[in-house]
Amino acid sequence: MLLIREIMYCKPGKVRPMVDKFLAMAKLNEKSGMGKMRVMTDFCGEQYWTIVSEFEVPSLQTFEEMMQGKGMPPDVMKEFETLMTGYHDLVVKGRREIFRIEG
């Protein structure tokens, strides 16, 4: 099992709109059978205005297929596209971390 962590550094004043996008995305993930996603904001950390989302996948192949939208109903895919429109205007940069869950 792998833990995928998406870390986004938002522009000042843009955290709430990005959190709203991530929470809506989490609902779509569950609706599509992709499992639960946790969405967190920084309390303190390396950089202000940070959003982190985490979810688990059984394999890298599963993650790659998920990123390609395989197995996702067209209506849900359209919702994802609409939801994420303009998100680049909210962030400065981001990164992804992938961890193997050992126990």
PDB file of N, CA and C in Angstrom:
ATOM      1  N   MET A   1       0.852  -1.176   0.000  1.00  0.00           N
ATOM      2  CA  MET A   1       0.000   0.000   0.000  1.00  0.00           C
ATOM      3  C   MET A   1       0.894   1.234   0.000  1.00  0.00           C
ATOM      4  N   LEU A   2       0.484   2.242  -0.760  1.00  0.00           N
ATOM      5  CA  LEU A   2       1.242   3.486  -0.864  1.00  0.00           C
ATOM      6  C   LEU A   2       0.406   4.653  -0.362  1.00  0.00           C
ATOM      7  N   LEU A   3       1.077   5.620   0.237  1.00  0.00           N
ATOM      8  CA  LEU A   3       0.452   6.864   0.657  1.00  0.00           C
ATOM      9  C   LEU A   3       0.908   7.942  -0.318  1.00  0.00           C
ATOM     10  N   ILE A   4      -0.040   8.595  -0.951  1.00  0.00           N
ATOM     11  CA  ILE A   4       0.253   9.696  -1.862  1.00  0.00           C
ATOM     12  C   ILE A   4      -0.053  10.987  -1.118  1.00  0.00           C
ATOM     13  N   ARG A   5       0.924  11.868  -1.078  1.00  0.00           N
ATOM     14  CA  ARG A   5       0.748  13.155  -0.404  1.00  0.00           C
ATOM     15  C   ARG A   5       0.988  14.265  -1.421  1.00  0.00           C
ATOM     16  N   GLU A   6      -0.036  15.088  -1.625  1.00  0.00           N
ATOM     17  CA  GLU A   6       0.049  16.239  -2.521  1.00  0.00           C
ATOM     18  C   GLU A   6       0.197  17.480  -1.651  1.00  0.00           C
ATOM     19  N   ILE A   7       1.248  18.253  -1.891  1.00  0.00           N
ATOM     20  CA  ILE A   7       1.525  19.443  -1.085  1.00  0.00           C
ATOM     21  C   ILE A   7       1.474  20.658  -2.003  1.00  0.00           C
ATOM     22  N   MET A   8       0.594  21.584  -1.674  1.00  0.00           N
ATOM     23  CA  MET A   8       0.426  22.793  -2.475  1.00  0.00           C
ATOM     24  C   MET A   8       0.727  24.012  -1.609  1.00  0.00           C
ATOM     25  N   TYR A   9       1.508  24.916  -2.151  1.00  0.00           N
ATOM     26  CA  TYR A   9       1.818  26.182  -1.494  1.00  0.00           C
ATOM     27  C   TYR A   9       1.009  27.266  -2.200  1.00  0.00           C
ATOM     28  N   CYS A  10       0.048  27.814  -1.483  1.00  0.00           N
ATOM     29  CA  CYS A  10      -0.881  28.773  -2.075  1.00  0.00           C
ATOM     30  C   CYS A  10      -0.345  30.194  -2.024  1.00  0.00           C
ATOM     31  N   LYS A  11      -0.919  31.015  -2.878  1.00  0.00           N
ATOM     32  CA  LYS A  11      -0.673  32.445  -2.825  1.00  0.00           C
ATOM     33  C   LYS A  11      -1.388  32.988  -1.590  1.00  0.00           C
ATOM     34  N   PRO A  12      -0.898  34.107  -1.014  1.00  0.00           N
ATOM     35  CA  PRO A  12      -1.583  34.694   0.144  1.00  0.00           C
ATOM     36  C   PRO A  12      -3.056  34.956  -0.174  1.00  0.00           C
ATOM     37  N   GLY A  13      -3.911  34.586   0.767  1.00  0.00           N
ATOM     38  CA  GLY A  13      -5.344  34.799   0.613  1.00  0.00           C
ATOM     39  C   GLY A  13      -6.053  33.788  -0.276  1.00  0.00           C
ATOM     40  N   LYS A  14      -5.341  32.776  -0.763  1.00  0.00           N
ATOM     41  CA  LYS A  14      -5.924  31.805  -1.694  1.00  0.00           C
ATOM     42  C   LYS A  14      -6.074  30.404  -1.102  1.00  0.00           C
ATOM     43  N   VAL A  15      -5.813  30.271   0.200  1.00  0.00           N
ATOM     44  CA  VAL A  15      -5.910  28.948   0.830  1.00  0.00           C
ATOM     45  C   VAL A  15      -7.353  28.442   0.825  1.00  0.00           C
ATOM     46  N   ARG A  16      -8.300  29.268   1.263  1.00  0.00           N
ATOM     47  CA  ARG A  16      -9.687  28.805   1.387  1.00  0.00           C
ATOM     48  C   ARG A  16     -10.261  28.351   0.046  1.00  0.00           C
ATOM     49  N   PRO A  17     -10.077  29.097  -1.048  1.00  0.00           N
ATOM     50  CA  PRO A  17     -10.608  28.596  -2.321  1.00  0.00           C
ATOM     51  C   PRO A  17      -9.973  27.265  -2.737  1.00  0.00           C
ATOM     52  N   MET A  18      -8.690  27.090  -2.423  1.00  0.00           N
ATOM     53  CA  MET A  18      -8.024  25.825  -2.779  1.00  0.00           C
ATOM     54  C   MET A  18      -8.503  24.697  -1.872  1.00  0.00           C
ATOM     55  N   VAL A  19      -8.701  24.977  -0.597  1.00  0.00           N
ATOM     56  CA  VAL A  19      -9.246  23.963   0.324  1.00  0.00           C
ATOM     57  C   VAL A  19     -10.623  23.530  -0.169  1.00  0.00           C
ATOM     58  N   ASP A  20     -11.436  24.474  -0.577  1.00  0.00           N
ATOM     59  CA  ASP A  20     -12.778  24.142  -1.081  1.00  0.00           C
ATOM     60  C   ASP A  20     -12.688  23.220  -2.298  1.00  0.00           C
ATOM     61  N   LYS A  21     -11.726  23.485  -3.187  1.00  0.00           N
ATOM     62  CA  LYS A  21     -11.527  22.609  -4.357  1.00  0.00           C
ATOM     63  C   LYS A  21     -11.110  21.212  -3.905  1.00  0.00           C
ATOM     64  N   PHE A  22     -10.176  21.136  -2.960  1.00  0.00           N
ATOM     65  CA  PHE A  22      -9.696  19.835  -2.492  1.00  0.00           C
ATOM     66  C   PHE A  22     -10.800  19.053  -1.780  1.00  0.00           C
ATOM     67  N   LEU A  23     -11.624  19.731  -0.991  1.00  0.00           N
ATOM     68  CA  LEU A  23     -12.721  19.039  -0.305  1.00  0.00           C
ATOM     69  C   LEU A  23     -13.745  18.516  -1.311  1.00  0.00           C
ATOM     70  N   ALA A  24     -14.037  19.300  -2.327  1.00  0.00           N
ATOM     71  CA  ALA A  24     -14.948  18.836  -3.375  1.00  0.00           C
ATOM     72  C   ALA A  24     -14.332  17.662  -4.126  1.00  0.00           C
ATOM     73  N   MET A  25     -13.014  17.722  -4.368  1.00  0.00           N
ATOM     74  CA  MET A  25     -12.323  16.623  -5.038  1.00  0.00           C
ATOM     75  C   MET A  25     -12.374  15.358  -4.173  1.00  0.00           C
ATOM     76  N   ALA A  26     -12.237  15.521  -2.861  1.00  0.00           N
ATOM     77  CA  ALA A  26     -12.309  14.371  -1.957  1.00  0.00           C
ATOM     78  C   ALA A  26     -13.668  13.679  -2.067  1.00  0.00           C
ATOM     79  N   LYS A  27     -14.738  14.461  -2.165  1.00  0.00           N
ATOM     80  CA  LYS A  27     -16.081  13.892  -2.321  1.00  0.00           C
ATOM     81  C   LYS A  27     -16.202  13.144  -3.646  1.00  0.00           C
ATOM     82  N   LEU A  28     -15.643  13.723  -4.715  1.00  0.00           N
ATOM     83  CA  LEU A  28     -15.677  13.044  -6.013  1.00  0.00           C
ATOM     84  C   LEU A  28     -14.872  11.745  -5.977  1.00  0.00           C
ATOM     85  N   ASN A  29     -13.726  11.769  -5.285  1.00  0.00           N
ATOM     86  CA  ASN A  29     -12.910  10.554  -5.155  1.00  0.00           C
ATOM     87  C   ASN A  29     -13.708   9.434  -4.506  1.00  0.00           C
ATOM     88  N   GLU A  30     -14.385   9.764  -3.414  1.00  0.00           N
ATOM     89  CA  GLU A  30     -15.188   8.749  -2.719  1.00  0.00           C
ATOM     90  C   GLU A  30     -16.338   8.271  -3.598  1.00  0.00           C
ATOM     91  N   LYS A  31     -17.003   9.196  -4.257  1.00  0.00           N
ATOM     92  CA  LYS A  31     -18.118   8.868  -5.149  1.00  0.00           C
ATOM     93  C   LYS A  31     -17.664   7.923  -6.269  1.00  0.00           C
ATOM     94  N   SER A  32     -16.410   8.081  -6.707  1.00  0.00           N
ATOM     95  CA  SER A  32     -15.862   7.269  -7.795  1.00  0.00           C
ATOM     96  C   SER A  32     -15.264   5.954  -7.309  1.00  0.00           C
ATOM     97  N   GLY A  33     -15.295   5.731  -5.985  1.00  0.00           N
ATOM     98  CA  GLY A  33     -14.729   4.499  -5.444  1.00  0.00           C
ATOM     99  C   GLY A  33     -13.222   4.538  -5.268  1.00  0.00           C
ATOM    100  N   MET A  34     -12.638   5.738  -5.230  1.00  0.00           N
ATOM    101  CA  MET A  34     -11.185   5.860  -5.076  1.00  0.00           C
ATOM    102  C   MET A  34     -10.748   5.974  -3.627  1.00  0.00           C
ATOM    103  N   GLY A  35     -11.657   5.883  -2.707  1.00  0.00           N
ATOM    104  CA  GLY A  35     -11.292   5.922  -1.292  1.00  0.00           C
ATOM    105  C   GLY A  35     -11.300   7.331  -0.716  1.00  0.00           C
ATOM    106  N   LYS A  36     -10.987   7.377   0.577  1.00  0.00           N
ATOM    107  CA  LYS A  36     -11.011   8.635   1.318  1.00  0.00           C
ATOM    108  C   LYS A  36      -9.742   9.436   1.086  1.00  0.00           C
ATOM    109  N   MET A  37      -9.900  10.741   1.106  1.00  0.00           N
ATOM    110  CA  MET A  37      -8.768  11.652   0.998  1.00  0.00           C
ATOM    111  C   MET A  37      -8.833  12.608   2.181  1.00  0.00           C
ATOM    112  N   ARG A  38      -7.693  12.786   2.842  1.00  0.00           N
ATOM    113  CA  ARG A  38      -7.629  13.754   3.937  1.00  0.00           C
ATOM    114  C   ARG A  38      -7.101  15.070   3.392  1.00  0.00           C
ATOM    115  N   VAL A  39      -7.679  16.177   3.844  1.00  0.00           N
ATOM    116  CA  VAL A  39      -7.233  17.507   3.444  1.00  0.00           C
ATOM    117  C   VAL A  39      -6.844  18.257   4.717  1.00  0.00           C
ATOM    118  N   MET A  40      -5.620  18.797   4.716  1.00  0.00           N
ATOM    119  CA  MET A  40      -5.090  19.471   5.900  1.00  0.00           C
ATOM    120  C   MET A  40      -4.490  20.814   5.510  1.00  0.00           C
ATOM    121  N   THR A  41      -4.522  21.760   6.438  1.00  0.00           N
ATOM    122  CA  THR A  41      -3.842  23.040   6.248  1.00  0.00           C
ATOM    123  C   THR A  41      -2.789  23.183   7.341  1.00  0.00           C
ATOM    124  N   ASP A  42      -1.808  24.041   7.084  1.00  0.00           N
ATOM    125  CA  ASP A  42      -0.712  24.183   8.034  1.00  0.00           C
ATOM    126  C   ASP A  42      -1.162  24.909   9.299  1.00  0.00           C
ATOM    127  N   PHE A  43      -0.646  24.451  10.411  1.00  0.00           N
ATOM    128  CA  PHE A  43      -0.807  25.128  11.694  1.00  0.00           C
ATOM    129  C   PHE A  43       0.477  25.898  11.966  1.00  0.00           C
ATOM    130  N   CYS A  44       1.557  25.272  11.618  1.00  0.00           N
ATOM    131  CA  CYS A  44       2.875  25.888  11.576  1.00  0.00           C
ATOM    132  C   CYS A  44       3.685  25.008  10.634  1.00  0.00           C
ATOM    133  N   GLY A  45       4.720  25.528  10.092  1.00  0.00           N
ATOM    134  CA  GLY A  45       5.489  24.711   9.163  1.00  0.00           C
ATOM    135  C   GLY A  45       6.551  25.499   8.439  1.00  0.00           C
ATOM    136  N   GLU A  46       7.098  24.842   7.461  1.00  0.00           N
ATOM    137  CA  GLU A  46       8.186  25.397   6.665  1.00  0.00           C
ATOM    138  C   GLU A  46       7.742  26.648   5.904  1.00  0.00           C
ATOM    139  N   GLN A  47       6.482  26.669   5.468  1.00  0.00           N
ATOM    140  CA  GLN A  47       5.986  27.765   4.637  1.00  0.00           C
ATOM    141  C   GLN A  47       4.509  27.991   4.940  1.00  0.00           C
ATOM    142  N   TYR A  48       4.102  29.246   5.039  1.00  0.00           N
ATOM    143  CA  TYR A  48       2.691  29.564   5.257  1.00  0.00           C
ATOM    144  C   TYR A  48       1.850  29.185   4.047  1.00  0.00           C
ATOM    145  N   TRP A  49       0.534  29.106   4.261  1.00  0.00           N
ATOM    146  CA  TRP A  49      -0.453  28.898   3.197  1.00  0.00           C
ATOM    147  C   TRP A  49      -0.246  27.569   2.482  1.00  0.00           C
ATOM    148  N   THR A  50      -0.017  26.521   3.287  1.00  0.00           N
ATOM    149  CA  THR A  50       0.224  25.182   2.749  1.00  0.00           C
ATOM    150  C   THR A  50      -1.011  24.319   2.924  1.00  0.00           C
ATOM    151  N   ILE A  51      -1.346  23.574   1.868  1.00  0.00           N
ATOM    152  CA  ILE A  51      -2.422  22.590   1.912  1.00  0.00           C
ATOM    153  C   ILE A  51      -1.808  21.236   1.577  1.00  0.00           C
ATOM    154  N   VAL A  52      -2.198  20.222   2.348  1.00  0.00           N
ATOM    155  CA  VAL A  52      -1.718  18.863   2.109  1.00  0.00           C
ATOM    156  C   VAL A  52      -2.932  17.956   1.970  1.00  0.00           C
ATOM    157  N   SER A  53      -2.910  17.118   0.949  1.00  0.00           N
ATOM    158  CA  SER A  53      -3.938  16.084   0.839  1.00  0.00           C
ATOM    159  C   SER A  53      -3.230  14.737   0.816  1.00  0.00           C
ATOM    160  N   GLU A  54      -3.873  13.760   1.406  1.00  0.00           N
ATOM    161  CA  GLU A  54      -3.309  12.405   1.463  1.00  0.00           C
ATOM    162  C   GLU A  54      -4.375  11.393   1.109  1.00  0.00           C
ATOM    163  N   PHE A  55      -3.958  10.366   0.375  1.00  0.00           N
ATOM    164  CA  PHE A  55      -4.837   9.239   0.104  1.00  0.00           C
ATOM    165  C   PHE A  55      -3.966   8.018  -0.142  1.00  0.00           C
ATOM    166  N   GLU A  56      -4.578   6.856  -0.026  1.00  0.00           N
ATOM    167  CA  GLU A  56      -3.852   5.601  -0.179  1.00  0.00           C
ATOM    168  C   GLU A  56      -4.262   4.901  -1.468  1.00  0.00           C
ATOM    169  N   VAL A  57      -3.292   4.245  -2.074  1.00  0.00           N
ATOM    170  CA  VAL A  57      -3.527   3.424  -3.263  1.00  0.00           C
ATOM    171  C   VAL A  57      -2.752   2.119  -3.090  1.00  0.00           C
ATOM    172  N   PRO A  58      -3.247   1.036  -3.688  1.00  0.00           N
ATOM    173  CA  PRO A  58      -2.555  -0.241  -3.531  1.00  0.00           C
ATOM    174  C   PRO A  58      -1.235  -0.322  -4.301  1.00  0.00           C
ATOM    175  N   SER A  59      -1.102   0.444  -5.398  1.00  0.00           N
ATOM    176  CA  SER A  59       0.114   0.333  -6.219  1.00  0.00           C
ATOM    177  C   SER A  59       0.318   1.590  -7.051  1.00  0.00           C
ATOM    178  N   LEU A  60       1.525   1.735  -7.600  1.00  0.00           N
ATOM    179  CA  LEU A  60       1.799   2.849  -8.503  1.00  0.00           C
ATOM    180  C   LEU A  60       0.948   2.748  -9.768  1.00  0.00           C
ATOM    181  N   GLN A  61       0.716   1.523 -10.214  1.00  0.00           N
ATOM    182  CA  GLN A  61      -0.122   1.344 -11.400  1.00  0.00           C
ATOM    183  C   GLN A  61      -1.528   1.886 -11.152  1.00  0.00           C
ATOM    184  N   THR A  62      -2.079   1.591  -9.993  1.00  0.00           N
ATOM    185  CA  THR A  62      -3.400   2.101  -9.634  1.00  0.00           C
ATOM    186  C   THR A  62      -3.399   3.622  -9.629  1.00  0.00           C
ATOM    187  N   PHE A  63      -2.337   4.206  -9.063  1.00  0.00           N
ATOM    188  CA  PHE A  63      -2.227   5.660  -9.011  1.00  0.00           C
ATOM    189  C   PHE A  63      -2.148   6.252 -10.420  1.00  0.00           C
ATOM    190  N   GLU A  64      -1.328   5.640 -11.276  1.00  0.00           N
ATOM    191  CA  GLU A  64      -1.199   6.125 -12.655  1.00  0.00           C
ATOM    192  C   GLU A  64      -2.540   6.061 -13.385  1.00  0.00           C
ATOM    193  N   GLU A  65      -3.260   4.960 -13.203  1.00  0.00           N
ATOM    194  CA  GLU A  65      -4.568   4.821 -13.850  1.00  0.00           C
ATOM    195  C   GLU A  65      -5.551   5.855 -13.322  1.00  0.00           C
ATOM    196  N   MET A  66      -5.478   6.110 -12.013  1.00  0.00           N
ATOM    197  CA  MET A  66      -6.344   7.107 -11.404  1.00  0.00           C
ATOM    198  C   MET A  66      -6.044   8.490 -11.986  1.00  0.00           C
ATOM    199  N   MET A  67      -4.767   8.813 -12.153  1.00  0.00           N
ATOM    200  CA  MET A  67      -4.371  10.113 -12.701  1.00  0.00           C
ATOM    201  C   MET A  67      -4.806  10.262 -14.161  1.00  0.00           C
ATOM    202  N   GLN A  68      -4.929   9.153 -14.868  1.00  0.00           N
ATOM    203  CA  GLN A  68      -5.374   9.172 -16.264  1.00  0.00           C
ATOM    204  C   GLN A  68      -6.894   9.155 -16.389  1.00  0.00           C
ATOM    205  N   GLY A  69      -7.582   8.959 -15.252  1.00  0.00           N
ATOM    206  CA  GLY A  69      -9.034   8.938 -15.263  1.00  0.00           C
ATOM    207  C   GLY A  69      -9.626   7.611 -15.687  1.00  0.00           C
ATOM    208  N   LYS A  70      -8.804   6.550 -15.725  1.00  0.00           N
ATOM    209  CA  LYS A  70      -9.316   5.237 -16.133  1.00  0.00           C
ATOM    210  C   LYS A  70     -10.359   4.741 -15.147  1.00  0.00           C
ATOM    211  N   GLY A  71     -11.436   4.217 -15.681  1.00  0.00           N
ATOM    212  CA  GLY A  71     -12.494   3.653 -14.852  1.00  0.00           C
ATOM    213  C   GLY A  71     -13.413   4.699 -14.231  1.00  0.00           C
ATOM    214  N   MET A  72     -13.177   5.968 -14.525  1.00  0.00           N
ATOM    215  CA  MET A  72     -14.005   7.020 -13.961  1.00  0.00           C
ATOM    216  C   MET A  72     -15.145   7.337 -14.937  1.00  0.00           C
ATOM    217  N   PRO A  73     -16.364   7.380 -14.437  1.00  0.00           N
ATOM    218  CA  PRO A  73     -17.480   7.723 -15.310  1.00  0.00           C
ATOM    219  C   PRO A  73     -17.267   9.101 -15.950  1.00  0.00           C
ATOM    220  N   PRO A  74     -17.686   9.274 -17.208  1.00  0.00           N
ATOM    221  CA  PRO A  74     -17.482  10.550 -17.907  1.00  0.00           C
ATOM    222  C   PRO A  74     -18.054  11.764 -17.174  1.00  0.00           C
ATOM    223  N   ASP A  75     -19.200  11.583 -16.507  1.00  0.00           N
ATOM    224  CA  ASP A  75     -19.785  12.729 -15.802  1.00  0.00           C
ATOM    225  C   ASP A  75     -18.924  13.164 -14.623  1.00  0.00           C
ATOM    226  N   VAL A  76     -18.310  12.188 -13.933  1.00  0.00           N
ATOM    227  CA  VAL A  76     -17.428  12.511 -12.807  1.00  0.00           C
ATOM    228  C   VAL A  76     -16.146  13.155 -13.322  1.00  0.00           C
ATOM    229  N   MET A  77     -15.628  12.656 -14.449  1.00  0.00           N
ATOM    230  CA  MET A  77     -14.431  13.232 -15.058  1.00  0.00           C
ATOM    231  C   MET A  77     -14.685  14.696 -15.421  1.00  0.00           C
ATOM    232  N   LYS A  78     -15.857  14.971 -15.948  1.00  0.00           N
ATOM    233  CA  LYS A  78     -16.219  16.350 -16.303  1.00  0.00           C
ATOM    234  C   LYS A  78     -16.282  17.221 -15.059  1.00  0.00           C
ATOM    235  N   GLU A  79     -16.820  16.670 -13.965  1.00  0.00           N
ATOM    236  CA  GLU A  79     -16.872  17.419 -12.697  1.00  0.00           C
ATOM    237  C   GLU A  79     -15.466  17.762 -12.218  1.00  0.00           C
ATOM    238  N   PHE A  80     -14.536  16.787 -12.308  1.00  0.00           N
ATOM    239  CA  PHE A  80     -13.143  17.030 -11.924  1.00  0.00           C
ATOM    240  C   PHE A  80     -12.543  18.169 -12.739  1.00  0.00           C
ATOM    241  N   GLU A  81     -12.749  18.122 -14.053  1.00  0.00           N
ATOM    242  CA  GLU A  81     -12.197  19.154 -14.933  1.00  0.00           C
ATOM    243  C   GLU A  81     -12.740  20.531 -14.576  1.00  0.00           C
ATOM    244  N   THR A  82     -14.046  20.600 -14.370  1.00  0.00           N
ATOM    245  CA  THR A  82     -14.674  21.867 -14.007  1.00  0.00           C
ATOM    246  C   THR A  82     -14.156  22.368 -12.667  1.00  0.00           C
ATOM    247  N   LEU A  83     -14.071  21.458 -11.709  1.00  0.00           N
ATOM    248  CA  LEU A  83     -13.624  21.792 -10.362  1.00  0.00           C
ATOM    249  C   LEU A  83     -12.209  22.363 -10.352  1.00  0.00           C
ATOM    250  N   MET A  84     -11.312  21.767 -11.122  1.00  0.00           N
ATOM    251  CA  MET A  84      -9.909  22.171 -11.069  1.00  0.00           C
ATOM    252  C   MET A  84      -9.562  23.301 -12.045  1.00  0.00           C
ATOM    253  N   THR A  85     -10.532  23.788 -12.780  1.00  0.00           N
ATOM    254  CA  THR A  85     -10.288  24.921 -13.664  1.00  0.00           C
ATOM    255  C   THR A  85      -9.814  26.115 -12.838  1.00  0.00           C
ATOM    256  N   GLY A  86      -8.705  26.706 -13.250  1.00  0.00           N
ATOM    257  CA  GLY A  86      -8.191  27.899 -12.598  1.00  0.00           C
ATOM    258  C   GLY A  86      -7.404  27.671 -11.323  1.00  0.00           C
ATOM    259  N   TYR A  87      -7.148  26.432 -10.947  1.00  0.00           N
ATOM    260  CA  TYR A  87      -6.439  26.219  -9.683  1.00  0.00           C
ATOM    261  C   TYR A  87      -5.006  26.735  -9.735  1.00  0.00           C
ATOM    262  N   HIS A  88      -4.431  26.844 -10.917  1.00  0.00           N
ATOM    263  CA  HIS A  88      -3.070  27.385 -11.029  1.00  0.00           C
ATOM    264  C   HIS A  88      -3.005  28.840 -10.552  1.00  0.00           C
ATOM    265  N   ASP A  89      -4.120  29.538 -10.594  1.00  0.00           N
ATOM    266  CA  ASP A  89      -4.164  30.919 -10.122  1.00  0.00           C
ATOM    267  C   ASP A  89      -4.110  31.003  -8.596  1.00  0.00           C
ATOM    268  N   LEU A  90      -4.284  29.875  -7.925  1.00  0.00           N
ATOM    269  CA  LEU A  90      -4.322  29.856  -6.462  1.00  0.00           C
ATOM    270  C   LEU A  90      -2.999  29.424  -5.833  1.00  0.00           C
ATOM    271  N   VAL A  91      -2.140  28.772  -6.595  1.00  0.00           N
ATOM    272  CA  VAL A  91      -0.918  28.195  -6.021  1.00  0.00           C
ATOM    273  C   VAL A  91       0.342  28.831  -6.598  1.00  0.00           C
ATOM    274  N   VAL A  92       1.398  28.778  -5.770  1.00  0.00           N
ATOM    275  CA  VAL A  92       2.721  29.225  -6.190  1.00  0.00           C
ATOM    276  C   VAL A  92       3.483  28.035  -6.758  1.00  0.00           C
ATOM    277  N   LYS A  93       3.428  26.932  -6.019  1.00  0.00           N
ATOM    278  CA  LYS A  93       4.097  25.699  -6.440  1.00  0.00           C
ATOM    279  C   LYS A  93       3.527  24.543  -5.634  1.00  0.00           C
ATOM    280  N   GLY A  94       3.904  23.349  -6.028  1.00  0.00           N
ATOM    281  CA  GLY A  94       3.453  22.161  -5.319  1.00  0.00           C
ATOM    282  C   GLY A  94       4.422  21.023  -5.534  1.00  0.00           C
ATOM    283  N   ARG A  95       4.191  19.969  -4.794  1.00  0.00           N
ATOM    284  CA  ARG A  95       5.017  18.774  -4.965  1.00  0.00           C
ATOM    285  C   ARG A  95       4.232  17.559  -4.500  1.00  0.00           C
ATOM    286  N   ARG A  96       4.711  16.399  -4.893  1.00  0.00           N
ATOM    287  CA  ARG A  96       4.069  15.139  -4.526  1.00  0.00           C
ATOM    288  C   ARG A  96       5.098  14.272  -3.814  1.00  0.00           C
ATOM    289  N   GLU A  97       4.634  13.597  -2.764  1.00  0.00           N
ATOM    290  CA  GLU A  97       5.457  12.618  -2.067  1.00  0.00           C
ATOM    291  C   GLU A  97       4.731  11.287  -2.103  1.00  0.00           C
ATOM    292  N   ILE A  98       5.465  10.211  -2.281  1.00  0.00           N
ATOM    293  CA  ILE A  98       4.869   8.871  -2.299  1.00  0.00           C
ATOM    294  C   ILE A  98       5.645   8.022  -1.307  1.00  0.00           C
ATOM    295  N   PHE A  99       4.918   7.442  -0.367  1.00  0.00           N
ATOM    296  CA  PHE A  99       5.511   6.624   0.686  1.00  0.00           C
ATOM    297  C   PHE A  99       4.929   5.210   0.642  1.00  0.00           C
ATOM    298  N   ARG A 100       5.764   4.220   0.924  1.00  0.00           N
ATOM    299  CA  ARG A 100       5.295   2.857   1.128  1.00  0.00           C
ATOM    300  C   ARG A 100       4.854   2.728   2.591  1.00  0.00           C
ATOM    301  N   ILE A 101       3.656   2.259   2.818  1.00  0.00           N
ATOM    302  CA  ILE A 101       3.157   2.083   4.171  1.00  0.00           C
ATOM    303  C   ILE A 101       3.705   0.754   4.706  1.00  0.00           C
ATOM    304  N   GLU A 102       4.487   0.829   5.753  1.00  0.00           N
ATOM    305  CA  GLU A 102       5.145  -0.360   6.306  1.00  0.00           C
ATOM    306  C   GLU A 102       4.373  -0.986   7.451  1.00  0.00           C
ATOM    307  N   GLY A 103       3.476  -0.258   8.059  1.00  0.00           N
ATOM    308  CA  GLY A 103       2.740  -0.850   9.170  1.00  0.00           C
ATOM    309  C   GLY A 103       1.809   0.122   9.802  1.00  0.00           C
TER     310      GLY A 103
END
